[in-house]
Protein backbone atom coordinates (compact mmCIF):
# COMPACT_ATOMS: atom_id res chain seq x y z
CA MET A 1 -18.44 -7.10 14.55
CA SER A 2 -16.47 -7.17 11.78
CA GLN A 3 -18.27 -5.65 8.11
CA ILE A 4 -16.62 -7.07 4.89
CA LEU A 5 -17.48 -4.64 1.76
CA TYR A 6 -15.56 -5.78 -1.30
CA LEU A 7 -17.39 -3.30 -3.82
CA THR A 8 -14.51 -2.10 -6.29
CA ASN A 9 -14.61 -2.59 -10.24
CA ILE A 10 -11.23 -4.47 -10.73
CA GLN A 11 -10.02 -4.90 -14.55
CA ILE A 12 -7.27 -7.07 -14.23
CA ASP A 13 -5.22 -7.91 -17.46
CA PHE A 14 -2.71 -6.82 -19.90
CA GLY A 15 -3.93 -3.85 -21.77
CA ALA A 16 -6.21 -2.98 -18.88
CA LEU A 17 -5.27 0.83 -19.17
CA GLN A 18 -6.82 0.90 -22.60
CA LEU A 19 -9.90 0.38 -20.77
CA LEU A 20 -9.01 4.27 -18.58
CA ALA A 21 -11.64 6.30 -20.73
CA SER A 22 -14.13 4.47 -20.73
CA GLU A 23 -14.14 3.96 -16.55
CA CYS A 24 -13.78 7.84 -16.99
CA GLU A 25 -17.26 8.32 -18.87
CA ARG A 26 -18.60 5.12 -16.08
CA THR A 27 -17.78 7.51 -12.94
CA GLY A 28 -18.80 10.81 -14.53
CA MET A 29 -15.57 12.47 -15.11
CA ARG A 30 -15.51 15.16 -17.79
CA LYS A 31 -11.80 16.25 -16.97
CA PRO A 32 -9.59 14.39 -14.55
CA LEU A 33 -6.58 15.36 -12.83
CA ILE A 34 -3.60 12.77 -13.73
CA VAL A 35 -1.68 12.01 -10.23
CA THR A 36 1.50 10.41 -10.97
CA ASP A 37 5.45 11.28 -9.75
CA PRO A 38 8.77 12.00 -11.94
CA GLY A 39 9.70 8.09 -12.22
CA VAL A 40 6.68 6.85 -12.84
CA LYS A 41 6.48 9.92 -16.51
CA ALA A 42 10.25 9.33 -16.81
CA ALA A 43 9.36 5.86 -17.62
CA GLY A 44 7.27 7.01 -20.57
CA LEU A 45 3.60 5.64 -18.52
CA LEU A 46 1.94 8.74 -18.46
CA GLU A 47 2.39 9.48 -21.98
CA ARG A 48 0.85 6.11 -22.08
CA ALA A 49 -2.08 6.81 -19.81
CA VAL A 50 -2.70 9.83 -21.71
CA ALA A 51 -3.18 8.13 -24.88
CA ALA A 52 -5.48 6.03 -23.36
CA LEU A 53 -7.52 8.83 -23.05
CA GLY A 54 -7.97 9.28 -27.07
CA THR A 55 -6.60 11.42 -29.50
CA GLY A 56 -7.45 14.13 -31.80
CA ALA A 57 -10.93 16.47 -30.85
CA GLY A 58 -12.28 13.16 -29.16
CA ALA A 59 -9.23 12.64 -26.15
CA LEU A 60 -11.01 13.75 -23.23
CA PRO A 61 -9.50 16.70 -21.20
CA HIS A 62 -6.75 16.58 -18.84
CA ALA A 63 -4.29 18.00 -16.06
CA VAL A 64 -1.61 16.27 -14.62
CA PHE A 65 -0.05 16.97 -11.50
CA ASP A 66 3.54 14.53 -11.60
CA GLN A 67 5.13 15.76 -8.53
CA THR A 68 4.04 12.78 -5.93
CA PRO A 69 7.49 12.63 -3.68
CA SER A 70 8.32 9.27 -3.05
CA ASN A 71 6.19 9.20 0.82
CA PRO A 72 3.03 11.87 0.24
CA THR A 73 3.05 14.64 1.91
CA GLU A 74 0.44 17.05 2.90
CA ALA A 75 2.18 19.70 0.73
CA ALA A 76 2.05 17.76 -1.93
CA VAL A 77 -1.36 17.33 -1.60
CA ARG A 78 -2.40 20.67 -1.63
CA ALA A 79 0.07 21.66 -4.54
CA ALA A 80 -1.80 18.90 -6.48
CA GLN A 81 -5.40 20.84 -4.97
CA ALA A 82 -4.24 24.19 -6.35
CA ILE A 83 -3.86 22.66 -9.95
CA TYR A 84 -7.66 20.31 -9.58
CA GLU A 85 -9.17 23.60 -8.81
CA GLN A 86 -7.50 25.99 -11.19
CA GLN A 87 -8.16 23.95 -14.50
CA GLY A 88 -11.93 22.68 -13.42
CA CYS A 89 -11.63 18.94 -12.42
CA ASP A 90 -13.99 16.76 -11.87
CA GLY A 91 -12.45 13.42 -11.06
CA LEU A 92 -8.85 12.21 -10.42
CA VAL A 93 -6.41 9.35 -12.16
CA ALA A 94 -4.05 7.54 -9.98
CA LEU A 95 -1.06 6.80 -12.01
CA GLY A 96 1.22 5.08 -10.12
CA GLY A 97 2.81 3.07 -6.46
CA GLY A 98 1.26 3.79 -3.30
CA SER A 99 2.48 6.99 -3.04
CA ALA A 100 0.79 8.49 -6.20
CA ILE A 101 -2.46 6.39 -5.50
CA ASP A 102 -2.49 7.45 -1.59
CA CYS A 103 -1.49 11.29 -2.92
CA ALA A 104 -4.81 11.21 -5.45
CA LYS A 105 -6.59 10.05 -2.03
CA GLY A 106 -5.22 13.10 -0.06
CA VAL A 107 -6.20 15.80 -2.53
CA ALA A 108 -9.61 13.48 -2.82
CA ILE A 109 -10.43 14.62 0.92
CA ALA A 110 -8.85 18.03 0.31
CA VAL A 111 -10.69 19.35 -2.79
CA ALA A 112 -14.19 18.24 -1.45
CA HIS A 113 -13.05 19.25 2.70
CA PRO A 114 -11.57 22.94 4.03
CA GLY A 115 -9.24 22.47 7.61
CA PRO A 116 -5.78 20.77 7.00
CA LEU A 117 -5.21 17.14 6.12
CA LYS A 118 -4.56 15.88 10.19
CA THR A 119 -8.74 16.97 10.73
CA TYR A 120 -9.67 13.60 8.70
CA ALA A 121 -6.48 11.31 9.98
CA THR A 122 -8.21 8.28 11.50
CA ILE A 123 -6.47 8.77 14.54
CA GLU A 124 -7.71 11.90 15.54
CA GLY A 125 -10.89 10.85 14.94
CA GLY A 126 -11.82 11.97 11.40
CA SER A 127 -13.09 9.05 9.45
CA PRO A 128 -17.00 9.81 10.00
CA LYS A 129 -15.56 13.71 8.46
CA ILE A 130 -14.56 12.25 5.21
CA THR A 131 -18.10 12.23 2.74
CA ASP A 132 -19.59 11.30 -0.47
CA ARG A 133 -18.72 14.94 -1.49
CA VAL A 134 -15.34 13.03 -2.67
CA PRO A 135 -14.84 12.90 -6.32
CA PRO A 136 -14.25 9.69 -8.36
CA LEU A 137 -10.80 8.34 -8.44
CA ILE A 138 -10.04 5.32 -10.82
CA ALA A 139 -6.39 3.90 -9.76
CA ILE A 140 -3.86 2.71 -12.30
CA PRO A 141 -1.22 0.59 -10.46
CA THR A 142 2.06 0.26 -11.95
CA THR A 143 4.01 -1.57 -9.01
CA ALA A 144 1.99 -4.68 -7.44
CA GLY A 145 2.92 -3.99 -3.53
CA THR A 146 0.67 -1.29 -1.67
CA GLY A 147 -2.88 -2.30 -3.04
CA SER A 148 -4.15 1.03 -2.72
CA GLU A 149 -6.12 1.28 -5.64
CA VAL A 150 -8.54 -1.43 -3.97
CA ALA A 151 -8.00 -0.17 -0.66
CA ARG A 152 -10.18 2.27 1.33
CA GLY A 153 -6.97 4.31 3.13
CA ALA A 154 -4.24 6.56 2.65
CA ILE A 155 -0.76 6.87 4.12
CA VAL A 156 -0.09 10.76 4.50
CA ILE A 157 2.60 12.79 6.10
CA VAL A 158 0.55 15.74 7.64
CA ASP A 159 2.28 19.24 8.06
CA ASP A 160 3.66 18.52 11.30
CA GLY A 161 5.47 15.79 10.60
CA ARG A 162 3.18 12.62 11.74
CA LYS A 163 2.81 9.72 9.08
CA LEU A 164 -1.54 9.48 9.55
CA GLY A 165 -3.78 7.19 8.24
CA PHE A 166 -6.94 8.06 6.31
CA HIS A 167 -9.46 5.64 6.18
CA SER A 168 -13.36 5.89 4.47
CA TRP A 169 -15.10 3.43 2.31
CA HIS A 170 -15.21 7.33 0.26
CA LEU A 171 -11.70 7.07 -0.45
CA MET A 172 -12.12 3.60 -2.02
CA PRO A 173 -11.27 4.38 -5.69
CA LYS A 174 -14.40 3.40 -8.33
CA THR A 175 -12.19 1.54 -10.78
CA ALA A 176 -8.66 0.01 -9.68
CA LEU A 177 -7.31 -0.90 -13.78
CA LEU A 178 -4.99 -3.29 -12.80
CA ASP A 179 -2.37 -3.98 -15.65
CA PRO A 180 0.68 -5.64 -15.20
CA GLU A 181 1.93 -4.48 -18.88
CA LEU A 182 3.12 -1.88 -16.67
CA THR A 183 5.14 -3.05 -14.26
CA LEU A 184 7.12 -4.37 -16.96
CA GLY A 185 9.97 -2.24 -16.85
CA LEU A 186 10.21 -2.10 -13.07
CA PRO A 187 13.44 -2.59 -11.35
CA PRO A 188 14.63 -5.42 -9.91
CA LEU A 189 15.10 -3.37 -6.47
CA LEU A 190 11.60 -1.91 -6.55
CA THR A 191 9.61 -5.25 -8.27
CA ALA A 192 11.45 -7.26 -4.49
CA ALA A 193 10.85 -3.90 -2.04
CA THR A 194 7.10 -3.48 -3.07
CA GLY A 195 6.77 -7.43 -3.87
CA MET A 196 7.76 -8.12 -0.06
CA ASP A 197 5.32 -5.36 0.36
CA ALA A 198 2.48 -7.15 -0.98
CA ILE A 199 4.12 -10.48 0.75
CA ALA A 200 3.57 -8.63 4.11
CA HIS A 201 0.17 -6.87 3.75
CA CYS A 202 -1.11 -10.68 2.77
CA MET A 203 0.54 -12.05 6.49
CA GLU A 204 0.08 -9.72 8.26
CA THR A 205 -3.87 -9.21 8.21
CA PHE A 206 -3.96 -13.22 7.88
CA MET A 207 -2.68 -13.26 11.98
CA ALA A 208 -4.89 -9.50 12.53
CA ALA A 209 -7.34 -10.09 15.49
CA PRO A 210 -10.67 -9.68 13.92
CA PHE A 211 -12.94 -12.23 12.66
CA ASN A 212 -13.07 -12.03 8.91
CA PRO A 213 -12.98 -15.76 7.11
CA PRO A 214 -12.95 -14.09 3.09
CA ALA A 215 -10.59 -11.96 4.33
CA ASP A 216 -7.97 -14.75 5.86
CA GLY A 217 -9.43 -16.85 2.47
CA ILE A 218 -8.07 -14.11 -0.21
CA ALA A 219 -4.95 -13.29 1.55
CA LEU A 220 -3.70 -16.94 2.27
CA ASP A 221 -3.77 -16.99 -1.52
CA GLY A 222 -2.31 -13.99 -1.86
CA LEU A 223 0.98 -14.68 0.05
CA GLU A 224 0.88 -18.44 -1.81
CA ARG A 225 1.14 -16.41 -5.31
CA GLY A 226 3.33 -13.75 -4.44
CA TRP A 227 5.77 -15.83 -2.44
CA ALA A 228 6.23 -18.80 -5.70
CA HIS A 229 6.73 -15.54 -7.46
CA ILE A 230 8.58 -12.74 -6.48
CA GLU A 231 11.91 -14.23 -7.10
CA ARG A 232 11.39 -14.96 -10.92
CA ALA A 233 9.33 -11.28 -11.07
CA THR A 234 12.55 -9.67 -9.53
CA THR A 235 15.49 -11.48 -11.08
CA ASN A 236 13.48 -11.45 -14.62
CA GLY A 237 11.33 -8.30 -14.98
CA GLN A 238 10.05 -9.42 -18.32
CA ASP A 239 8.38 -12.54 -16.86
CA ARG A 240 5.12 -11.88 -18.09
CA ASP A 241 3.08 -14.75 -15.72
CA ALA A 242 5.22 -13.51 -12.54
CA ARG A 243 4.37 -10.58 -13.13
CA LEU A 244 0.47 -11.24 -13.62
CA HIS A 245 0.78 -13.05 -9.87
CA MET A 246 2.71 -10.83 -8.21
CA MET A 247 0.17 -7.87 -9.31
CA SER A 248 -2.61 -9.94 -7.62
CA ALA A 249 -1.00 -10.88 -4.48
CA SER A 250 -0.72 -7.33 -4.23
CA MET A 251 -4.51 -6.24 -5.23
CA GLN A 252 -4.92 -9.33 -2.72
CA GLY A 253 -3.23 -8.14 0.01
CA ALA A 254 -4.69 -4.68 0.37
CA MET A 255 -8.66 -6.54 -0.35
CA ALA A 256 -7.75 -8.61 2.96
CA PHE A 257 -6.50 -5.46 4.94
CA GLN A 258 -9.35 -4.28 5.51
CA LYS A 259 -9.35 -6.56 8.50
CA GLY A 260 -6.84 -4.66 9.71
CA LEU A 261 -2.85 -5.09 9.88
CA GLY A 262 -0.03 -4.96 13.42
CA CYS A 263 2.98 -4.07 14.39
CA VAL A 264 4.58 -4.98 11.86
CA HIS A 265 2.66 -1.83 9.78
CA SER A 266 2.75 0.29 13.62
CA LEU A 267 6.59 0.08 12.99
CA SER A 268 7.32 1.07 9.41
CA HIS A 269 4.75 4.04 9.42
CA SER A 270 6.19 5.04 12.54
CA LEU A 271 9.80 5.05 11.08
CA GLY A 272 8.52 6.24 7.50
CA GLY A 273 7.71 9.19 9.22
CA VAL A 274 10.79 9.92 11.14
CA ASN A 275 12.73 8.95 8.19
CA PRO A 276 10.75 9.92 5.38
CA ARG A 277 12.71 8.81 2.45
CA LEU A 278 12.67 4.86 3.60
CA HIS A 279 10.69 2.77 1.76
CA HIS A 280 7.78 1.33 3.32
CA GLY A 281 8.05 -1.96 1.88
CA THR A 282 11.98 -2.71 2.72
CA LEU A 283 10.66 -1.62 6.25
CA ASN A 284 8.08 -4.13 6.29
CA ALA A 285 10.54 -6.81 5.03
CA LEU A 286 12.57 -6.17 7.75
CA PHE A 287 9.86 -6.24 10.72
CA LEU A 288 8.12 -9.49 9.59
CA PRO A 289 10.42 -11.93 11.13
CA ALA A 290 10.23 -10.09 14.73
CA VAL A 291 5.99 -9.53 14.35
CA ILE A 292 5.94 -13.02 13.58
CA ALA A 293 8.10 -14.36 16.46
CA PHE A 294 6.16 -11.24 19.16
CA ASN A 295 2.90 -12.61 17.50
CA ALA A 296 3.83 -16.87 18.06
CA GLY A 297 2.98 -15.92 21.23
CA ALA A 298 -0.47 -14.51 20.65
CA ALA A 299 -3.94 -17.33 22.00
CA SER A 300 -5.75 -16.31 18.85
CA VAL A 301 -2.52 -17.48 16.46
CA GLN A 302 -1.85 -20.64 18.36
CA GLN A 303 -5.70 -21.70 18.31
CA ASP A 304 -5.44 -20.90 14.73
CA ARG A 305 -2.64 -22.56 14.08
CA ARG A 306 -2.53 -19.44 11.69
CA LEU A 307 1.43 -19.51 11.76
CA GLU A 308 1.67 -23.07 9.78
CA ARG A 309 -1.09 -22.17 7.39
CA MET A 310 1.25 -19.62 6.16
CA ALA A 311 4.46 -22.00 6.71
CA ARG A 312 2.21 -24.45 3.89
CA ALA A 313 1.05 -21.39 1.41
CA MET A 314 4.93 -20.56 1.58
CA GLY A 315 5.91 -24.13 1.18
CA LEU A 316 7.96 -24.44 4.38
CA ALA A 317 8.07 -27.31 7.10
CA GLY A 318 6.78 -25.89 9.32
CA ALA A 319 6.06 -22.51 11.72
CA ALA A 320 9.58 -21.89 12.63
CA ASP A 321 10.37 -21.79 9.49
CA LEU A 322 8.55 -18.80 8.61
CA GLY A 323 11.42 -15.98 9.64
CA PRO A 324 14.58 -17.52 8.58
CA ALA A 325 13.22 -18.15 5.10
CA ILE A 326 11.97 -14.05 5.10
CA ARG A 327 15.30 -12.99 6.17
CA ASP A 328 16.41 -15.37 3.05
CA MET A 329 14.63 -14.31 0.83
CA ASN A 330 15.16 -10.75 2.00
CA ALA A 331 19.07 -11.36 1.06
CA ARG A 332 18.07 -13.20 -2.40
CA LEU A 333 16.14 -10.08 -3.59
CA GLY A 334 19.24 -7.90 -2.71
CA LEU A 335 17.06 -6.15 0.37
CA PRO A 336 18.91 -5.04 3.47
CA SER A 337 19.61 -7.26 5.87
CA GLY A 338 18.87 -5.07 9.12
CA LEU A 339 17.50 -1.55 10.13
CA ALA A 340 21.14 -0.50 10.29
CA ALA A 341 21.96 -0.27 6.72
CA LEU A 342 19.85 1.77 6.49
CA GLY A 343 21.28 4.10 8.62
CA VAL A 344 18.03 3.29 11.28
CA THR A 345 20.17 3.44 15.38
CA GLU A 346 19.06 2.62 18.73
CA ALA A 347 19.03 7.07 18.75
CA ASP A 348 15.58 6.93 16.65
CA PHE A 349 13.58 3.81 18.90
CA ASP A 350 11.66 6.11 21.44
CA ARG A 351 10.62 8.41 18.65
CA VAL A 352 9.23 5.27 16.77
CA ILE A 353 7.76 3.56 19.43
CA THR A 354 6.04 6.40 20.65
CA GLY A 355 4.25 6.69 16.78
CA ALA A 356 4.04 2.90 16.72
CA LEU A 357 1.54 3.08 20.07
CA ALA A 358 -0.35 5.16 18.32
CA ASP A 359 -0.77 4.74 14.57
CA HIS A 360 -4.01 2.68 13.83
CA CYS A 361 -2.75 -0.57 12.73
CA HIS A 362 -1.19 -1.13 16.93
CA LYS A 363 -4.93 -2.80 18.33
CA THR A 364 -5.54 -5.30 15.01
CA ASN A 365 -2.50 -7.04 16.34
CA PRO A 366 -3.22 -10.27 17.07
CA ARG A 367 -1.12 -9.61 20.56
CA LEU A 368 -1.07 -6.13 21.88
CA ALA A 369 2.12 -4.94 22.21
CA SER A 370 3.61 -2.68 24.84
CA ALA A 371 6.97 0.07 24.88
CA ASP A 372 8.87 -2.99 25.76
CA ASP A 373 7.83 -5.15 23.25
CA TYR A 374 8.21 -2.12 20.42
CA ARG A 375 12.05 -1.97 21.81
CA ALA A 376 12.56 -5.60 21.48
CA MET A 377 11.20 -6.19 17.73
CA LEU A 378 13.31 -2.86 16.83
CA THR A 379 16.46 -3.89 18.57
CA ALA A 380 15.84 -8.24 16.84
CA SER A 381 14.95 -6.07 13.65
CA LEU A 382 18.32 -3.21 13.83
């Protein structure tokens, strides 16, 4: 049975950041911990967020953790937790890309629940253990990719080295402030990688097996927006219209992927755990063609003509053009041509396959993949 919930308060427009103080008040925060990363701080965005909390005697007190790594870790979660508790915080503001937002969700779990973080991982049966004791969270994305600001899940590398998913409706941010202004200074390569992440979310959740027509509609519209605007946003970072549409595509992909994802994410989550330096969105872009080809053999995909519907949304002649079009787009955006360009070799495959088979996205792919299937997809993406 499908559960269909769209419960987050979303504010999307240029200037949405200025609602931060009022949203903190609405959600009951008197002293939030801002969770961000060094790049966001260096870009001046942390300073802008702090200014949005007010000035002088009327400013909302806050604390800051600005050391989120590019792939959030349990160690980072614990470091942020220590500041949260030492400073007497009562809520969280996540400012950054998916890493900062996911780190903040990890902190939300850690400050309200005892034990190692893996206890609450989805594949460990931990989702029901995440309770409403988690503090309120406001998410402010500075990239247009993961959509974590409107998602119930987080991805964190736990202390044993696994890259695990954590999923609970209690982790859904109380507010998502989507201000495209914050993405105008995003470098081209990061714009491309995060944009392809959003496109991958829209495509993969549209192909996923569970029945969720609202998610399908949202994903297909997000795909059309993302595909039409990613090049403009990448080549001209000041294109406000393109930035707005990319932020919407990112949000829509994550609103839709409550339905589930599939092999693209099983592989990228696993490979990201093997080599945490690899960018998640880049991996998704590289895996998409091979997974689409594999999914073409799924009865549900053929019956619903899902590949043809995606092709139409992308302005392509037919389903056969999907893989080549994605490879061409990756090349035009300056993304790597394959995994080998990232230093991945066949020696990594066994570990990646083991992780992919155990990943929470594995079973919602429209066609169940075997170890040999994953090996073929890795080889095709090399």
